[in-house]
PDB file of N, CA and C in Angstrom:
ATOM      1  N   GLU A   1      -9.122  15.787 -14.191  1.00  0.00           N
ATOM      2  CA  GLU A   1      -9.342  14.566 -14.940  1.00  0.00           C
ATOM      3  C   GLU A   1      -9.666  13.446 -13.948  1.00  0.00           C
ATOM      4  N   GLU A   2     -10.603  12.562 -14.335  1.00  0.00           N
ATOM      5  CA  GLU A   2     -10.992  11.432 -13.486  1.00  0.00           C
ATOM      6  C   GLU A   2     -10.713  10.121 -14.206  1.00  0.00           C
ATOM      7  N   PHE A   3     -10.478   9.078 -13.410  1.00  0.00           N
ATOM      8  CA  PHE A   3     -10.112   7.778 -13.953  1.00  0.00           C
ATOM      9  C   PHE A   3     -10.956   6.684 -13.318  1.00  0.00           C
ATOM     10  N   ASP A   4     -11.176   5.598 -14.062  1.00  0.00           N
ATOM     11  CA  ASP A   4     -11.905   4.439 -13.536  1.00  0.00           C
ATOM     12  C   ASP A   4     -11.073   3.685 -12.506  1.00  0.00           C
ATOM     13  N   VAL A   5      -9.769   3.646 -12.731  1.00  0.00           N
ATOM     14  CA  VAL A   5      -8.859   2.887 -11.867  1.00  0.00           C
ATOM     15  C   VAL A   5      -7.606   3.719 -11.603  1.00  0.00           C
ATOM     16  N   ILE A   6      -7.186   3.742 -10.357  1.00  0.00           N
ATOM     17  CA  ILE A   6      -5.903   4.346  -9.990  1.00  0.00           C
ATOM     18  C   ILE A   6      -5.100   3.281  -9.255  1.00  0.00           C
ATOM     19  N   LEU A   7      -3.849   3.112  -9.671  1.00  0.00           N
ATOM     20  CA  LEU A   7      -2.942   2.156  -9.036  1.00  0.00           C
ATOM     21  C   LEU A   7      -1.876   2.923  -8.259  1.00  0.00           C
ATOM     22  N   ASN A   8      -1.861   2.742  -6.966  1.00  0.00           N
ATOM     23  CA  ASN A   8      -0.806   3.297  -6.110  1.00  0.00           C
ATOM     24  C   ASN A   8       0.003   2.116  -5.587  1.00  0.00           C
ATOM     25  N   MET A   9       0.938   1.679  -6.381  1.00  0.00           N
ATOM     26  CA  MET A   9       1.698   0.488  -6.059  1.00  0.00           C
ATOM     27  C   MET A   9       3.069   0.890  -5.519  1.00  0.00           C
ATOM     28  N   GLU A  10       3.257   0.668  -4.222  1.00  0.00           N
ATOM     29  CA  GLU A  10       4.522   0.964  -3.547  1.00  0.00           C
ATOM     30  C   GLU A  10       4.865   2.454  -3.623  1.00  0.00           C
ATOM     31  N   VAL A  11       3.869   3.303  -3.397  1.00  0.00           N
ATOM     32  CA  VAL A  11       4.054   4.752  -3.450  1.00  0.00           C
ATOM     33  C   VAL A  11       3.833   5.398  -2.085  1.00  0.00           C
ATOM     34  N   VAL A  12       2.760   5.023  -1.389  1.00  0.00           N
ATOM     35  CA  VAL A  12       2.332   5.783  -0.205  1.00  0.00           C
ATOM     36  C   VAL A  12       3.373   5.817   0.912  1.00  0.00           C
ATOM     37  N   GLU A  13       4.282   4.864   0.953  1.00  0.00           N
ATOM     38  CA  GLU A  13       5.311   4.870   1.998  1.00  0.00           C
ATOM     39  C   GLU A  13       6.456   5.833   1.677  1.00  0.00           C
ATOM     40  N   HIS A  14       6.368   6.505   0.543  1.00  0.00           N
ATOM     41  CA  HIS A  14       7.424   7.438   0.144  1.00  0.00           C
ATOM     42  C   HIS A  14       6.984   8.902   0.139  1.00  0.00           C
ATOM     43  N   VAL A  15       5.707   9.173   0.272  1.00  0.00           N
ATOM     44  CA  VAL A  15       5.222  10.557   0.186  1.00  0.00           C
ATOM     45  C   VAL A  15       5.285  11.231   1.559  1.00  0.00           C
ATOM     46  N   PRO A  16       5.450  12.555   1.596  1.00  0.00           N
ATOM     47  CA  PRO A  16       5.579  13.234   2.891  1.00  0.00           C
ATOM     48  C   PRO A  16       4.294  13.278   3.708  1.00  0.00           C
ATOM     49  N   ASP A  17       3.126  13.246   3.050  1.00  0.00           N
ATOM     50  CA  ASP A  17       1.848  13.341   3.758  1.00  0.00           C
ATOM     51  C   ASP A  17       0.888  12.324   3.151  1.00  0.00           C
ATOM     52  N   MET A  18       0.925  11.095   3.663  1.00  0.00           N
ATOM     53  CA  MET A  18       0.146  10.003   3.085  1.00  0.00           C
ATOM     54  C   MET A  18      -1.347  10.303   3.023  1.00  0.00           C
ATOM     55  N   PRO A  19      -1.999  10.782   4.100  1.00  0.00           N
ATOM     56  CA  PRO A  19      -3.440  11.050   4.003  1.00  0.00           C
ATOM     57  C   PRO A  19      -3.780  12.095   2.930  1.00  0.00           C
ATOM     58  N   PHE A  20      -2.962  13.128   2.816  1.00  0.00           N
ATOM     59  CA  PHE A  20      -3.192  14.144   1.786  1.00  0.00           C
ATOM     60  C   PHE A  20      -3.054  13.527   0.398  1.00  0.00           C
ATOM     61  N   PHE A  21      -1.998  12.751   0.186  1.00  0.00           N
ATOM     62  CA  PHE A  21      -1.764  12.100  -1.104  1.00  0.00           C
ATOM     63  C   PHE A  21      -2.934  11.196  -1.480  1.00  0.00           C
ATOM     64  N   VAL A  22      -3.392  10.383  -0.534  1.00  0.00           N
ATOM     65  CA  VAL A  22      -4.523   9.485  -0.796  1.00  0.00           C
ATOM     66  C   VAL A  22      -5.769  10.299  -1.141  1.00  0.00           C
ATOM     67  N   GLY A  23      -5.980  11.406  -0.439  1.00  0.00           N
ATOM     68  CA  GLY A  23      -7.131  12.259  -0.721  1.00  0.00           C
ATOM     69  C   GLY A  23      -7.101  12.845  -2.118  1.00  0.00           C
ATOM     70  N   VAL A  24      -5.932  13.318  -2.545  1.00  0.00           N
ATOM     71  CA  VAL A  24      -5.797  13.872  -3.894  1.00  0.00           C
ATOM     72  C   VAL A  24      -6.047  12.781  -4.936  1.00  0.00           C
ATOM     73  N   CYS A  25      -5.508  11.596  -4.701  1.00  0.00           N
ATOM     74  CA  CYS A  25      -5.733  10.484  -5.631  1.00  0.00           C
ATOM     75  C   CYS A  25      -7.213  10.112  -5.682  1.00  0.00           C
ATOM     76  N   ALA A  26      -7.878  10.092  -4.530  1.00  0.00           N
ATOM     77  CA  ALA A  26      -9.300   9.742  -4.479  1.00  0.00           C
ATOM     78  C   ALA A  26     -10.141  10.734  -5.272  1.00  0.00           C
ATOM     79  N   GLU A  27      -9.736  11.997  -5.282  1.00  0.00           N
ATOM     80  CA  GLU A  27     -10.461  12.997  -6.068  1.00  0.00           C
ATOM     81  C   GLU A  27     -10.427  12.674  -7.551  1.00  0.00           C
ATOM     82  N   MET A  28      -9.406  11.945  -7.995  1.00  0.00           N
ATOM     83  CA  MET A  28      -9.268  11.607  -9.411  1.00  0.00           C
ATOM     84  C   MET A  28      -9.975  10.310  -9.791  1.00  0.00           C
ATOM     85  N   VAL A  29     -10.536   9.604  -8.808  1.00  0.00           N
ATOM     86  CA  VAL A  29     -11.276   8.369  -9.092  1.00  0.00           C
ATOM     87  C   VAL A  29     -12.712   8.743  -9.442  1.00  0.00           C
ATOM     88  N   LYS A  30     -13.199   8.239 -10.574  1.00  0.00           N
ATOM     89  CA  LYS A  30     -14.591   8.478 -10.965  1.00  0.00           C
ATOM     90  C   LYS A  30     -15.522   7.820  -9.956  1.00  0.00           C
ATOM     91  N   PRO A  31     -16.715   8.369  -9.757  1.00  0.00           N
ATOM     92  CA  PRO A  31     -17.705   7.660  -8.934  1.00  0.00           C
ATOM     93  C   PRO A  31     -17.908   6.242  -9.486  1.00  0.00           C
ATOM     94  N   GLY A  32     -17.869   5.260  -8.611  1.00  0.00           N
ATOM     95  CA  GLY A  32     -17.952   3.864  -9.026  1.00  0.00           C
ATOM     96  C   GLY A  32     -16.606   3.267  -9.394  1.00  0.00           C
ATOM     97  N   GLY A  33     -15.551   4.096  -9.412  1.00  0.00           N
ATOM     98  CA  GLY A  33     -14.214   3.631  -9.761  1.00  0.00           C
ATOM     99  C   GLY A  33     -13.497   3.031  -8.561  1.00  0.00           C
ATOM    100  N   ILE A  34     -12.290   2.545  -8.806  1.00  0.00           N
ATOM    101  CA  ILE A  34     -11.533   1.858  -7.761  1.00  0.00           C
ATOM    102  C   ILE A  34     -10.094   2.372  -7.686  1.00  0.00           C
ATOM    103  N   MET A  35      -9.514   2.163  -6.515  1.00  0.00           N
ATOM    104  CA  MET A  35      -8.099   2.462  -6.302  1.00  0.00           C
ATOM    105  C   MET A  35      -7.454   1.254  -5.624  1.00  0.00           C
ATOM    106  N   PHE A  36      -6.349   0.797  -6.192  1.00  0.00           N
ATOM    107  CA  PHE A  36      -5.522  -0.227  -5.563  1.00  0.00           C
ATOM    108  C   PHE A  36      -4.363   0.476  -4.876  1.00  0.00           C
ATOM    109  N   VAL A  37      -4.051   0.044  -3.658  1.00  0.00           N
ATOM    110  CA  VAL A  37      -2.896   0.584  -2.947  1.00  0.00           C
ATOM    111  C   VAL A  37      -2.086  -0.597  -2.413  1.00  0.00           C
ATOM    112  N   ALA A  38      -0.821  -0.651  -2.794  1.00  0.00           N
ATOM    113  CA  ALA A  38       0.098  -1.669  -2.274  1.00  0.00           C
ATOM    114  C   ALA A  38       1.192  -0.943  -1.512  1.00  0.00           C
ATOM    115  N   THR A  39       1.536  -1.466  -0.340  1.00  0.00           N
ATOM    116  CA  THR A  39       2.554  -0.809   0.472  1.00  0.00           C
ATOM    117  C   THR A  39       3.151  -1.799   1.464  1.00  0.00           C
ATOM    118  N   ILE A  40       3.958  -1.286   2.374  1.00  0.00           N
ATOM    119  CA  ILE A  40       4.622  -2.112   3.383  1.00  0.00           C
ATOM    120  C   ILE A  40       4.122  -1.699   4.764  1.00  0.00           C
ATOM    121  N   ASN A  41       3.792  -2.677   5.571  1.00  0.00           N
ATOM    122  CA  ASN A  41       3.290  -2.454   6.922  1.00  0.00           C
ATOM    123  C   ASN A  41       4.425  -1.968   7.834  1.00  0.00           C
ATOM    124  N   ARG A  42       4.066  -1.210   8.858  1.00  0.00           N
ATOM    125  CA  ARG A  42       5.057  -0.730   9.829  1.00  0.00           C
ATOM    126  C   ARG A  42       5.084  -1.689  11.017  1.00  0.00           C
ATOM    127  N   THR A  43       5.802  -2.811  10.815  1.00  0.00           N
ATOM    128  CA  THR A  43       5.964  -3.829  11.852  1.00  0.00           C
ATOM    129  C   THR A  43       7.447  -4.172  11.946  1.00  0.00           C
ATOM    130  N   PHE A  44       7.826  -4.807  13.042  1.00  0.00           N
ATOM    131  CA  PHE A  44       9.222  -5.234  13.165  1.00  0.00           C
ATOM    132  C   PHE A  44       9.551  -6.323  12.143  1.00  0.00           C
ATOM    133  N   LYS A  45       8.564  -7.134  11.786  1.00  0.00           N
ATOM    134  CA  LYS A  45       8.771  -8.146  10.744  1.00  0.00           C
ATOM    135  C   LYS A  45       9.095  -7.461   9.412  1.00  0.00           C
ATOM    136  N   ALA A  46       8.388  -6.380   9.094  1.00  0.00           N
ATOM    137  CA  ALA A  46       8.662  -5.633   7.863  1.00  0.00           C
ATOM    138  C   ALA A  46      10.038  -4.975   7.928  1.00  0.00           C
ATOM    139  N   LEU A  47      10.386  -4.451   9.088  1.00  0.00           N
ATOM    140  CA  LEU A  47      11.722  -3.867   9.264  1.00  0.00           C
ATOM    141  C   LEU A  47      12.788  -4.915   8.960  1.00  0.00           C
ATOM    142  N   ALA A  48      12.608  -6.113   9.513  1.00  0.00           N
ATOM    143  CA  ALA A  48      13.589  -7.185   9.318  1.00  0.00           C
ATOM    144  C   ALA A  48      13.654  -7.652   7.867  1.00  0.00           C
ATOM    145  N   LEU A  49      12.499  -7.858   7.242  1.00  0.00           N
ATOM    146  CA  LEU A  49      12.486  -8.431   5.892  1.00  0.00           C
ATOM    147  C   LEU A  49      12.626  -7.393   4.784  1.00  0.00           C
ATOM    148  N   ALA A  50      11.857  -6.321   4.851  1.00  0.00           N
ATOM    149  CA  ALA A  50      11.825  -5.362   3.743  1.00  0.00           C
ATOM    150  C   ALA A  50      12.981  -4.371   3.781  1.00  0.00           C
ATOM    151  N   ILE A  51      13.398  -3.989   4.967  1.00  0.00           N
ATOM    152  CA  ILE A  51      14.482  -3.000   5.047  1.00  0.00           C
ATOM    153  C   ILE A  51      15.826  -3.694   5.245  1.00  0.00           C
ATOM    154  N   VAL A  52      15.989  -4.425   6.337  1.00  0.00           N
ATOM    155  CA  VAL A  52      17.273  -5.095   6.581  1.00  0.00           C
ATOM    156  C   VAL A  52      17.523  -6.157   5.511  1.00  0.00           C
ATOM    157  N   GLY A  53      16.543  -7.027   5.275  1.00  0.00           N
ATOM    158  CA  GLY A  53      16.732  -8.111   4.312  1.00  0.00           C
ATOM    159  C   GLY A  53      16.894  -7.640   2.879  1.00  0.00           C
ATOM    160  N   ALA A  54      15.911  -6.883   2.373  1.00  0.00           N
ATOM    161  CA  ALA A  54      15.907  -6.509   0.952  1.00  0.00           C
ATOM    162  C   ALA A  54      16.907  -5.408   0.610  1.00  0.00           C
ATOM    163  N   GLU A  55      17.105  -4.462   1.538  1.00  0.00           N
ATOM    164  CA  GLU A  55      17.998  -3.342   1.224  1.00  0.00           C
ATOM    165  C   GLU A  55      19.444  -3.589   1.650  1.00  0.00           C
ATOM    166  N   ILE A  56      19.632  -4.134   2.841  1.00  0.00           N
ATOM    167  CA  ILE A  56      20.987  -4.239   3.389  1.00  0.00           C
ATOM    168  C   ILE A  56      21.637  -5.579   3.060  1.00  0.00           C
ATOM    169  N   VAL A  57      20.934  -6.678   3.332  1.00  0.00           N
ATOM    170  CA  VAL A  57      21.530  -8.000   3.126  1.00  0.00           C
ATOM    171  C   VAL A  57      21.529  -8.391   1.650  1.00  0.00           C
ATOM    172  N   LEU A  58      20.353  -8.407   1.014  1.00  0.00           N
ATOM    173  CA  LEU A  58      20.247  -8.868  -0.368  1.00  0.00           C
ATOM    174  C   LEU A  58      20.550  -7.783  -1.399  1.00  0.00           C
ATOM    175  N   ARG A  59      20.475  -6.529  -0.991  1.00  0.00           N
ATOM    176  CA  ARG A  59      20.749  -5.389  -1.880  1.00  0.00           C
ATOM    177  C   ARG A  59      19.854  -5.373  -3.112  1.00  0.00           C
ATOM    178  N   TRP A  60      18.589  -5.788  -2.926  1.00  0.00           N
ATOM    179  CA  TRP A  60      17.615  -5.721  -4.022  1.00  0.00           C
ATOM    180  C   TRP A  60      17.214  -4.283  -4.308  1.00  0.00           C
ATOM    181  N   LEU A  61      17.299  -3.450  -3.291  1.00  0.00           N
ATOM    182  CA  LEU A  61      16.942  -2.031  -3.393  1.00  0.00           C
ATOM    183  C   LEU A  61      18.080  -1.217  -2.801  1.00  0.00           C
ATOM    184  N   PRO A  62      18.232   0.022  -3.249  1.00  0.00           N
ATOM    185  CA  PRO A  62      19.271   0.855  -2.638  1.00  0.00           C
ATOM    186  C   PRO A  62      18.997   1.062  -1.148  1.00  0.00           C
ATOM    187  N   ARG A  63      20.044   1.048  -0.363  1.00  0.00           N
ATOM    188  CA  ARG A  63      19.910   1.289   1.077  1.00  0.00           C
ATOM    189  C   ARG A  63      19.265   2.661   1.289  1.00  0.00           C
ATOM    190  N   GLY A  64      18.282   2.701   2.174  1.00  0.00           N
ATOM    191  CA  GLY A  64      17.583   3.951   2.452  1.00  0.00           C
ATOM    192  C   GLY A  64      16.328   4.162   1.629  1.00  0.00           C
ATOM    193  N   THR A  65      16.010   3.210   0.751  1.00  0.00           N
ATOM    194  CA  THR A  65      14.782   3.336  -0.047  1.00  0.00           C
ATOM    195  C   THR A  65      13.567   3.481   0.858  1.00  0.00           C
ATOM    196  N   HIS A  66      13.530   2.706   1.925  1.00  0.00           N
ATOM    197  CA  HIS A  66      12.403   2.759   2.864  1.00  0.00           C
ATOM    198  C   HIS A  66      12.875   3.244   4.223  1.00  0.00           C
ATOM    199  N   GLN A  67      12.045   4.055   4.848  1.00  0.00           N
ATOM    200  CA  GLN A  67      12.293   4.529   6.205  1.00  0.00           C
ATOM    201  C   GLN A  67      11.201   3.943   7.084  1.00  0.00           C
ATOM    202  N   PHE A  68      11.596   3.279   8.140  1.00  0.00           N
ATOM    203  CA  PHE A  68      10.635   2.564   8.984  1.00  0.00           C
ATOM    204  C   PHE A  68       9.472   3.452   9.419  1.00  0.00           C
ATOM    205  N   GLY A  69       9.742   4.665   9.817  1.00  0.00           N
ATOM    206  CA  GLY A  69       8.689   5.553  10.297  1.00  0.00           C
ATOM    207  C   GLY A  69       7.683   5.961   9.247  1.00  0.00           C
ATOM    208  N   LYS A  70       8.022   5.806   7.964  1.00  0.00           N
ATOM    209  CA  LYS A  70       7.099   6.176   6.892  1.00  0.00           C
ATOM    210  C   LYS A  70       6.292   4.988   6.380  1.00  0.00           C
ATOM    211  N   LEU A  71       6.593   3.786   6.866  1.00  0.00           N
ATOM    212  CA  LEU A  71       5.782   2.638   6.477  1.00  0.00           C
ATOM    213  C   LEU A  71       4.383   2.830   7.051  1.00  0.00           C
ATOM    214  N   VAL A  72       3.388   2.194   6.429  1.00  0.00           N
ATOM    215  CA  VAL A  72       1.984   2.504   6.718  1.00  0.00           C
ATOM    216  C   VAL A  72       1.239   1.267   7.204  1.00  0.00           C
ATOM    217  N   ARG A  73       0.677   1.364   8.401  1.00  0.00           N
ATOM    218  CA  ARG A  73      -0.155   0.274   8.921  1.00  0.00           C
ATOM    219  C   ARG A  73      -1.485   0.253   8.168  1.00  0.00           C
ATOM    220  N   PRO A  74      -2.082  -0.941   8.005  1.00  0.00           N
ATOM    221  CA  PRO A  74      -3.359  -1.034   7.290  1.00  0.00           C
ATOM    222  C   PRO A  74      -4.450  -0.140   7.872  1.00  0.00           C
ATOM    223  N   ASP A  75      -4.530  -0.029   9.193  1.00  0.00           N
ATOM    224  CA  ASP A  75      -5.578   0.813   9.784  1.00  0.00           C
ATOM    225  C   ASP A  75      -5.381   2.283   9.427  1.00  0.00           C
ATOM    226  N   GLU A  76      -4.142   2.731   9.304  1.00  0.00           N
ATOM    227  CA  GLU A  76      -3.873   4.118   8.910  1.00  0.00           C
ATOM    228  C   GLU A  76      -4.289   4.365   7.464  1.00  0.00           C
ATOM    229  N   LEU A  77      -3.973   3.409   6.596  1.00  0.00           N
ATOM    230  CA  LEU A  77      -4.331   3.545   5.188  1.00  0.00           C
ATOM    231  C   LEU A  77      -5.846   3.468   5.008  1.00  0.00           C
ATOM    232  N   GLU A  78      -6.486   2.546   5.718  1.00  0.00           N
ATOM    233  CA  GLU A  78      -7.944   2.431   5.622  1.00  0.00           C
ATOM    234  C   GLU A  78      -8.622   3.718   6.077  1.00  0.00           C
ATOM    235  N   LYS A  79      -8.125   4.331   7.138  1.00  0.00           N
ATOM    236  CA  LYS A  79      -8.703   5.596   7.614  1.00  0.00           C
ATOM    237  C   LYS A  79      -8.534   6.688   6.566  1.00  0.00           C
ATOM    238  N   ALA A  80      -7.349   6.784   5.971  1.00  0.00           N
ATOM    239  CA  ALA A  80      -7.112   7.795   4.935  1.00  0.00           C
ATOM    240  C   ALA A  80      -8.055   7.591   3.755  1.00  0.00           C
ATOM    241  N   LEU A  81      -8.271   6.343   3.367  1.00  0.00           N
ATOM    242  CA  LEU A  81      -9.188   6.054   2.260  1.00  0.00           C
ATOM    243  C   LEU A  81     -10.622   6.430   2.630  1.00  0.00           C
ATOM    244  N   ARG A  82     -11.060   6.043   3.816  1.00  0.00           N
ATOM    245  CA  ARG A  82     -12.423   6.394   4.267  1.00  0.00           C
ATOM    246  C   ARG A  82     -12.608   7.905   4.323  1.00  0.00           C
ATOM    247  N   ASP A  83     -11.630   8.593   4.896  1.00  0.00           N
ATOM    248  CA  ASP A  83     -11.708  10.050   4.999  1.00  0.00           C
ATOM    249  C   ASP A  83     -11.767  10.714   3.627  1.00  0.00           C
ATOM    250  N   ALA A  84     -11.260  10.024   2.610  1.00  0.00           N
ATOM    251  CA  ALA A  84     -11.257  10.547   1.243  1.00  0.00           C
ATOM    252  C   ALA A  84     -12.489  10.106   0.455  1.00  0.00           C
ATOM    253  N   GLY A  85     -13.448   9.463   1.120  1.00  0.00           N
ATOM    254  CA  GLY A  85     -14.677   9.062   0.441  1.00  0.00           C
ATOM    255  C   GLY A  85     -14.608   7.723  -0.260  1.00  0.00           C
ATOM    256  N   MET A  86     -13.624   6.916   0.094  1.00  0.00           N
ATOM    257  CA  MET A  86     -13.471   5.589  -0.503  1.00  0.00           C
ATOM    258  C   MET A  86     -13.887   4.535   0.523  1.00  0.00           C
ATOM    259  N   ALA A  87     -14.373   3.406   0.031  1.00  0.00           N
ATOM    260  CA  ALA A  87     -14.750   2.288   0.899  1.00  0.00           C
ATOM    261  C   ALA A  87     -13.840   1.103   0.587  1.00  0.00           C
ATOM    262  N   VAL A  88     -13.173   0.580   1.597  1.00  0.00           N
ATOM    263  CA  VAL A  88     -12.286  -0.569   1.385  1.00  0.00           C
ATOM    264  C   VAL A  88     -13.140  -1.793   1.081  1.00  0.00           C
ATOM    265  N   ALA A  89     -12.898  -2.393  -0.084  1.00  0.00           N
ATOM    266  CA  ALA A  89     -13.676  -3.542  -0.540  1.00  0.00           C
ATOM    267  C   ALA A  89     -12.941  -4.857  -0.335  1.00  0.00           C
ATOM    268  N   ASP A  90     -11.614  -4.810  -0.312  1.00  0.00           N
ATOM    269  CA  ASP A  90     -10.844  -6.043  -0.152  1.00  0.00           C
ATOM    270  C   ASP A  90      -9.455  -5.678   0.347  1.00  0.00           C
ATOM    271  N   ARG A  91      -8.839  -6.639   1.016  1.00  0.00           N
ATOM    272  CA  ARG A  91      -7.475  -6.472   1.507  1.00  0.00           C
ATOM    273  C   ARG A  91      -6.796  -7.833   1.424  1.00  0.00           C
ATOM    274  N   THR A  92      -5.503  -7.808   1.165  1.00  0.00           N
ATOM    275  CA  THR A  92      -4.754  -9.056   1.099  1.00  0.00           C
ATOM    276  C   THR A  92      -3.295  -8.797   1.442  1.00  0.00           C
ATOM    277  N   GLY A  93      -2.684  -9.800   2.041  1.00  0.00           N
ATOM    278  CA  GLY A  93      -1.249  -9.768   2.224  1.00  0.00           C
ATOM    279  C   GLY A  93      -0.585 -10.292   0.965  1.00  0.00           C
ATOM    280  N   VAL A  94       0.682  -9.981   0.814  1.00  0.00           N
ATOM    281  CA  VAL A  94       1.469 -10.481  -0.308  1.00  0.00           C
ATOM    282  C   VAL A  94       2.787 -10.973   0.286  1.00  0.00           C
ATOM    283  N   THR A  95       3.099 -12.241   0.060  1.00  0.00           N
ATOM    284  CA  THR A  95       4.323 -12.813   0.615  1.00  0.00           C
ATOM    285  C   THR A  95       5.222 -13.322  -0.507  1.00  0.00           C
ATOM    286  N   TYR A  96       6.519 -13.296  -0.248  1.00  0.00           N
ATOM    287  CA  TYR A  96       7.495 -13.756  -1.225  1.00  0.00           C
ATOM    288  C   TYR A  96       8.013 -15.126  -0.815  1.00  0.00           C
ATOM    289  N   ASN A  97       8.040 -16.042  -1.774  1.00  0.00           N
ATOM    290  CA  ASN A  97       8.602 -17.373  -1.569  1.00  0.00           C
ATOM    291  C   ASN A  97       9.943 -17.408  -2.307  1.00  0.00           C
ATOM    292  N   PRO A  98      11.071 -17.316  -1.587  1.00  0.00           N
ATOM    293  CA  PRO A  98      12.366 -17.257  -2.271  1.00  0.00           C
ATOM    294  C   PRO A  98      12.746 -18.557  -2.972  1.00  0.00           C
ATOM    295  N   ILE A  99      12.230 -19.679  -2.508  1.00  0.00           N
ATOM    296  CA  ILE A  99      12.549 -20.957  -3.155  1.00  0.00           C
ATOM    297  C   ILE A  99      11.916 -21.022  -4.538  1.00  0.00           C
ATOM    298  N   ALA A 100      10.658 -20.604  -4.636  1.00  0.00           N
ATOM    299  CA  ALA A 100       9.960 -20.600  -5.924  1.00  0.00           C
ATOM    300  C   ALA A 100      10.186 -19.294  -6.688  1.00  0.00           C
ATOM    301  N   ASP A 101      10.836 -18.309  -6.044  1.00  0.00           N
ATOM    302  CA  ASP A 101      11.015 -16.976  -6.614  1.00  0.00           C
ATOM    303  C   ASP A 101       9.671 -16.436  -7.104  1.00  0.00           C
ATOM    304  N   ARG A 102       8.716 -16.424  -6.166  1.00  0.00           N
ATOM    305  CA  ARG A 102       7.344 -16.079  -6.535  1.00  0.00           C
ATOM    306  C   ARG A 102       6.649 -15.314  -5.413  1.00  0.00           C
ATOM    307  N   TRP A 103       5.819 -14.350  -5.800  1.00  0.00           N
ATOM    308  CA  TRP A 103       4.976 -13.607  -4.869  1.00  0.00           C
ATOM    309  C   TRP A 103       3.595 -14.241  -4.862  1.00  0.00           C
ATOM    310  N   ASN A 104       2.983 -14.339  -3.678  1.00  0.00           N
ATOM    311  CA  ASN A 104       1.668 -14.963  -3.546  1.00  0.00           C
ATOM    312  C   ASN A 104       0.764 -14.125  -2.658  1.00  0.00           C
ATOM    313  N   ARG A 105      -0.543 -14.170  -2.954  1.00  0.00           N
ATOM    314  CA  ARG A 105      -1.517 -13.569  -2.044  1.00  0.00           C
ATOM    315  C   ARG A 105      -1.526 -14.378  -0.762  1.00  0.00           C
ATOM    316  N   SER A 106      -1.808 -13.694   0.347  1.00  0.00           N
ATOM    317  CA  SER A 106      -1.738 -14.346   1.647  1.00  0.00           C
ATOM    318  C   SER A 106      -2.649 -13.624   2.634  1.00  0.00           C
ATOM    319  N   THR A 107      -2.971 -14.300   3.724  1.00  0.00           N
ATOM    320  CA  THR A 107      -3.674 -13.630   4.818  1.00  0.00           C
ATOM    321  C   THR A 107      -2.696 -12.848   5.691  1.00  0.00           C
ATOM    322  N   ASP A 108      -1.402 -13.061   5.500  1.00  0.00           N
ATOM    323  CA  ASP A 108      -0.352 -12.403   6.282  1.00  0.00           C
ATOM    324  C   ASP A 108      -0.089 -11.002   5.721  1.00  0.00           C
ATOM    325  N   MET A 109      -0.529  -9.987   6.454  1.00  0.00           N
ATOM    326  CA  MET A 109      -0.333  -8.597   6.037  1.00  0.00           C
ATOM    327  C   MET A 109       0.774  -7.915   6.842  1.00  0.00           C
ATOM    328  N   ASP A 110       1.632  -8.716   7.489  1.00  0.00           N
ATOM    329  CA  ASP A 110       2.670  -8.163   8.360  1.00  0.00           C
ATOM    330  C   ASP A 110       3.766  -7.405   7.616  1.00  0.00           C
ATOM    331  N   VAL A 111       3.976  -7.713   6.347  1.00  0.00           N
ATOM    332  CA  VAL A 111       5.028  -7.036   5.586  1.00  0.00           C
ATOM    333  C   VAL A 111       4.378  -6.314   4.406  1.00  0.00           C
ATOM    334  N   ASN A 112       4.181  -7.000   3.306  1.00  0.00           N
ATOM    335  CA  ASN A 112       3.557  -6.392   2.132  1.00  0.00           C
ATOM    336  C   ASN A 112       2.059  -6.665   2.135  1.00  0.00           C
ATOM    337  N   TYR A 113       1.300  -5.659   1.735  1.00  0.00           N
ATOM    338  CA  TYR A 113      -0.149  -5.849   1.644  1.00  0.00           C
ATOM    339  C   TYR A 113      -0.735  -4.915   0.593  1.00  0.00           C
ATOM    340  N   MET A 114      -1.966  -5.222   0.175  1.00  0.00           N
ATOM    341  CA  MET A 114      -2.689  -4.404  -0.792  1.00  0.00           C
ATOM    342  C   MET A 114      -4.119  -4.204  -0.317  1.00  0.00           C
ATOM    343  N   LEU A 115      -4.646  -3.028  -0.620  1.00  0.00           N
ATOM    344  CA  LEU A 115      -6.050  -2.726  -0.358  1.00  0.00           C
ATOM    345  C   LEU A 115      -6.711  -2.338  -1.671  1.00  0.00           C
ATOM    346  N   LEU A 116      -7.977  -2.705  -1.809  1.00  0.00           N
ATOM    347  CA  LEU A 116      -8.811  -2.284  -2.933  1.00  0.00           C
ATOM    348  C   LEU A 116      -9.920  -1.427  -2.349  1.00  0.00           C
ATOM    349  N   ALA A 117     -10.057  -0.211  -2.850  1.00  0.00           N
ATOM    350  CA  ALA A 117     -11.091   0.697  -2.349  1.00  0.00           C
ATOM    351  C   ALA A 117     -11.950   1.180  -3.507  1.00  0.00           C
ATOM    352  N   GLU A 118     -13.242   1.338  -3.231  1.00  0.00           N
ATOM    353  CA  GLU A 118     -14.202   1.797  -4.234  1.00  0.00           C
ATOM    354  C   GLU A 118     -14.710   3.183  -3.855  1.00  0.00           C
ATOM    355  N   LYS A 119     -14.927   3.993  -4.872  1.00  0.00           N
ATOM    356  CA  LYS A 119     -15.530   5.307  -4.637  1.00  0.00           C
ATOM    357  C   LYS A 119     -17.027   5.165  -4.856  1.00  0.00           C
ATOM    358  N   HIS A 120     -17.787   5.632  -3.904  1.00  0.00           N
ATOM    359  CA  HIS A 120     -19.239   5.525  -4.011  1.00  0.00           C
ATOM    360  C   HIS A 120     -19.724   6.219  -5.277  1.00  0.00           C
ATOM    361  N   SER A 121     -20.715   5.612  -5.932  1.00  0.00           N
ATOM    362  CA  SER A 121     -21.312   6.216  -7.122  1.00  0.00           C
ATOM    363  C   SER A 121     -22.037   7.495  -6.740  1.00  0.00           C
ATOM    364  N   ALA A 122     -22.050   8.438  -7.659  1.00  0.00           N
ATOM    365  CA  ALA A 122     -22.773   9.692  -7.417  1.00  0.00           C
ATOM    366  C   ALA A 122     -24.266   9.396  -7.336  1.00  0.00           C
ATOM    367  N   ALA A 123     -24.941  10.063  -6.425  1.00  0.00           N
ATOM    368  CA  ALA A 123     -26.380   9.817  -6.241  1.00  0.00           C
ATOM    369  C   ALA A 123     -27.183  10.460  -7.337  1.00  0.00           C
TER     370      ALA A 123
END
């Protein structure tokens, strides 16, 4: 089965083989379709905020939800998408403002980020 849109929101950092998973998902995208991928970058800033802050200090998530070594750098995700026949069309960081209790798009991709990839149309 093929789909116009696939959303991989906060998934790729939990699978055992990210490039394989992305490839299987890309196979399900129709030619001309898109895939959104949201995940957490593998940086010390992400370790401090997403793992220590969100899991241990604030307890927003169960401890152990994220493993630092499984977090995904943007270049790794972009390569997996390209290798799967997808072209990255857009990228954005996502930051949390605790005072406003709001998530915002940002140029800062050090912690949370999203990529939009398109599958080339069939010739």
